[in-house]
C-alpha atoms as a PDB file:
ATOM      1  CA  HIS A   1     112.921 101.466 122.921  1.00  0.00           C
ATOM      2  CA  THR A   2     111.444 100.120 119.678  1.00  0.00           C
ATOM      3  CA  GLN A   3     107.750 100.350 119.013  1.00  0.00           C
ATOM      4  CA  LYS A   4     105.932  98.291 116.369  1.00  0.00           C
ATOM      5  CA  HIS A   5     103.857 100.086 113.748  1.00  0.00           C
ATOM      6  CA  THR A   6     101.746  98.798 110.905  1.00  0.00           C
ATOM      7  CA  HIS A   7     101.008 100.582 107.664  1.00  0.00           C
ATOM      8  CA  ALA A   8      97.746 101.864 109.157  1.00  0.00           C
ATOM      9  CA  THR A   9      99.516 103.833 111.906  1.00  0.00           C
ATOM     10  CA  SER A  10     102.477 105.099 109.911  1.00  0.00           C
ATOM     11  CA  GLN A  11     102.781 108.778 109.129  1.00  0.00           C
ATOM     12  CA  LEU A  12     104.228 108.087 105.671  1.00  0.00           C
ATOM     13  CA  GLN A  13     102.467 109.395 102.626  1.00  0.00           C
ATOM     14  CA  ALA A  14      99.965 106.811 101.437  1.00  0.00           C
ATOM     15  CA  ASP A  15     101.546 106.406  97.986  1.00  0.00           C
ATOM     16  CA  HIS A  16     105.020 105.710  99.428  1.00  0.00           C
ATOM     17  CA  LEU A  17     103.611 103.266 101.926  1.00  0.00           C
ATOM     18  CA  SER A  18     101.560 101.472  99.279  1.00  0.00           C
ATOM     19  CA  VAL A  19     104.623 100.997  97.090  1.00  0.00           C
ATOM     20  CA  LEU A  20     106.687  99.797 100.052  1.00  0.00           C
ATOM     21  CA  SER A  21     103.962  97.400 101.156  1.00  0.00           C
ATOM     22  CA  ILE A  22     103.722  95.876  97.684  1.00  0.00           C
ATOM     23  CA  LEU A  23     107.502  95.613  97.339  1.00  0.00           C
ATOM     24  CA  TYR A  24     107.817  93.996 100.734  1.00  0.00           C
ATOM     25  CA  MET A  25     105.063  91.487  99.985  1.00  0.00           C
ATOM     26  CA  LEU A  26     106.755  90.621  96.678  1.00  0.00           C
ATOM     27  CA  LEU A  27     110.114  90.131  98.333  1.00  0.00           C
ATOM     28  CA  GLU A  28     109.116  88.437 101.575  1.00  0.00           C
ATOM     29  CA  GLN A  29     105.615  86.981 101.037  1.00  0.00           C
ATOM     30  CA  HIS A  30     104.265  88.455 104.267  1.00  0.00           C
ATOM     31  CA  PRO A  31     102.853  91.866 105.219  1.00  0.00           C
ATOM     32  CA  LEU A  32     105.051  94.861 105.899  1.00  0.00           C
ATOM     33  CA  SER A  33     105.686  95.593 109.557  1.00  0.00           C
ATOM     34  CA  LEU A  34     107.604  98.657 110.711  1.00  0.00           C
ATOM     35  CA  THR A  35     109.360  99.746 113.870  1.00  0.00           C
ATOM     36  CA  HIS A  36     110.172 103.231 115.066  1.00  0.00           C
ATOM     37  CA  ASP A  37     113.469 103.997 116.755  1.00  0.00           C
ATOM     38  CA  ASP A  38     115.893 106.922 117.125  1.00  0.00           C
ATOM     39  CA  ASP A  39     116.715 106.826 113.407  1.00  0.00           C
ATOM     40  CA  GLY A  40     113.084 106.932 112.297  1.00  0.00           C
ATOM     41  CA  LEU A  41     111.044 104.179 110.694  1.00  0.00           C
ATOM     42  CA  ALA A  42     112.640 100.845 109.835  1.00  0.00           C
ATOM     43  CA  LEU A  43     111.622  97.371 108.781  1.00  0.00           C
ATOM     44  CA  ALA A  44     110.645  95.192 111.732  1.00  0.00           C
ATOM     45  CA  ARG A  45     112.462  92.243 110.112  1.00  0.00           C
ATOM     46  CA  ASP A  46     115.582  92.151 107.985  1.00  0.00           C
ATOM     47  CA  LEU A  47     115.054  91.261 104.351  1.00  0.00           C
ATOM     48  CA  SER A  48     116.122  87.869 103.041  1.00  0.00           C
ATOM     49  CA  SER A  49     119.752  87.910 101.924  1.00  0.00           C
ATOM     50  CA  PHE A  50     119.025  85.936  98.743  1.00  0.00           C
ATOM     51  CA  TRP A  51     117.212  89.020  97.491  1.00  0.00           C
ATOM     52  CA  GLN A  52     120.223  91.309  97.919  1.00  0.00           C
ATOM     53  CA  GLY A  53     119.096  92.280 101.391  1.00  0.00           C
ATOM     54  CA  ALA A  54     121.573  95.133 101.844  1.00  0.00           C
ATOM     55  CA  THR A  55     120.426  96.813  98.621  1.00  0.00           C
ATOM     56  CA  TRP A  56     116.770  96.493  99.553  1.00  0.00           C
ATOM     57  CA  GLN A  57     117.459  97.666 103.145  1.00  0.00           C
ATOM     58  CA  ARG A  58     118.922 100.902 101.736  1.00  0.00           C
ATOM     59  CA  VAL A  59     115.980 101.343  99.375  1.00  0.00           C
ATOM     60  CA  PHE A  60     113.458 100.837 102.171  1.00  0.00           C
ATOM     61  CA  ALA A  61     115.374 103.075 104.600  1.00  0.00           C
ATOM     62  CA  SER A  62     115.492 105.859 102.002  1.00  0.00           C
ATOM     63  CA  LEU A  63     111.803 105.603 101.180  1.00  0.00           C
ATOM     64  CA  LEU A  64     110.688 105.281 104.799  1.00  0.00           C
ATOM     65  CA  ASN A  65     112.560 108.311 106.088  1.00  0.00           C
ATOM     66  CA  THR A  66     112.760 110.889 103.331  1.00  0.00           C
ATOM     67  CA  ASP A  67     110.678 112.907 100.954  1.00  0.00           C
ATOM     68  CA  SER A  68     113.792 113.873  99.013  1.00  0.00           C
ATOM     69  CA  ALA A  69     113.561 113.512  95.243  1.00  0.00           C
ATOM     70  CA  ALA A  70     117.331 112.899  95.189  1.00  0.00           C
ATOM     71  CA  ALA A  71     117.022 109.956  97.600  1.00  0.00           C
ATOM     72  CA  LEU A  72     114.208 108.461  95.550  1.00  0.00           C
ATOM     73  CA  ALA A  73     116.197 108.904  92.336  1.00  0.00           C
ATOM     74  CA  SER A  74     119.196 107.224  93.950  1.00  0.00           C
ATOM     75  CA  ALA A  75     117.054 104.279  95.078  1.00  0.00           C
ATOM     76  CA  ARG A  76     115.619 103.972  91.580  1.00  0.00           C
ATOM     77  CA  ARG A  77     119.097 103.915  90.001  1.00  0.00           C
ATOM     78  CA  GLU A  78     120.241 101.280  92.483  1.00  0.00           C
ATOM     79  CA  LEU A  79     117.251  99.085  91.664  1.00  0.00           C
ATOM     80  CA  GLN A  80     117.675  99.589  87.920  1.00  0.00           C
ATOM     81  CA  THR A  81     121.297  98.478  88.216  1.00  0.00           C
ATOM     82  CA  PHE A  82     120.303  95.472  90.310  1.00  0.00           C
ATOM     83  CA  PHE A  83     117.684  94.343  87.804  1.00  0.00           C
ATOM     84  CA  ALA A  84     119.996  94.968  84.838  1.00  0.00           C
ATOM     85  CA  GLN A  85     122.517  92.637  86.480  1.00  0.00           C
ATOM     86  CA  ASN A  86     119.810  90.127  87.519  1.00  0.00           C
ATOM     87  CA  PRO A  87     117.344  89.723  84.620  1.00  0.00           C
ATOM     88  CA  ALA A  88     115.870  86.546  86.124  1.00  0.00           C
ATOM     89  CA  ARG A  89     114.803  88.553  89.198  1.00  0.00           C
ATOM     90  CA  LEU A  90     113.226  91.186  86.949  1.00  0.00           C
ATOM     91  CA  ARG A  91     111.250  88.490  85.106  1.00  0.00           C
ATOM     92  CA  LEU A  92     110.104  87.060  88.434  1.00  0.00           C
ATOM     93  CA  VAL A  93     108.915  90.490  89.600  1.00  0.00           C
ATOM     94  CA  ARG A  94     107.080  91.058  86.309  1.00  0.00           C
ATOM     95  CA  VAL A  95     105.342  87.663  86.527  1.00  0.00           C
ATOM     96  CA  THR A  96     104.404  88.299  90.155  1.00  0.00           C
ATOM     97  CA  MET A  97     103.040  91.761  89.319  1.00  0.00           C
ATOM     98  CA  ALA A  98     100.999  90.293  86.444  1.00  0.00           C
ATOM     99  CA  ASN A  99      99.556  87.726  88.853  1.00  0.00           C
ATOM    100  CA  ILE A 100      98.679  90.461  91.357  1.00  0.00           C
ATOM    101  CA  ARG A 101      96.984  92.513  88.625  1.00  0.00           C
ATOM    102  CA  ARG A 102      95.025  89.427  87.525  1.00  0.00           C
ATOM    103  CA  ASP A 103      93.945  88.711  91.110  1.00  0.00           C
ATOM    104  CA  LEU A 104      92.909  92.324  91.683  1.00  0.00           C
ATOM    105  CA  GLN A 105      90.897  92.304  88.464  1.00  0.00           C
ATOM    106  CA  TRP A 106      89.225  89.080  89.547  1.00  0.00           C
ATOM    107  CA  HIS A 107      88.206  90.688  92.855  1.00  0.00           C
ATOM    108  CA  GLU A 108      86.894  93.782  91.070  1.00  0.00           C
ATOM    109  CA  ASP A 109      84.774  91.600  88.774  1.00  0.00           C
ATOM    110  CA  LEU A 110      83.013  89.950  91.722  1.00  0.00           C
END
């Protein structure tokens, strides 16, 4: 039986969940939704294949279900390799992050 969870009900550490929520929003343009099954927490929807879905699935699975520094380091290396091989994707992420920072600053200035 699979049960739906949102970031508010997850037992993940807040910093991990915040990073995952931002990454997911960048990749998929909709909020993160999680399920819980026998293997632990998982994404409620598969990631889009045009964004190297299998790579991102592994990254999310590692971050959702481990506090291991080794698992986080492995995910970081995998992402670094991906972005080194796909500089256009890295530029897109940087532009998107700059836009998010600008929008957050705008909201703080209100």
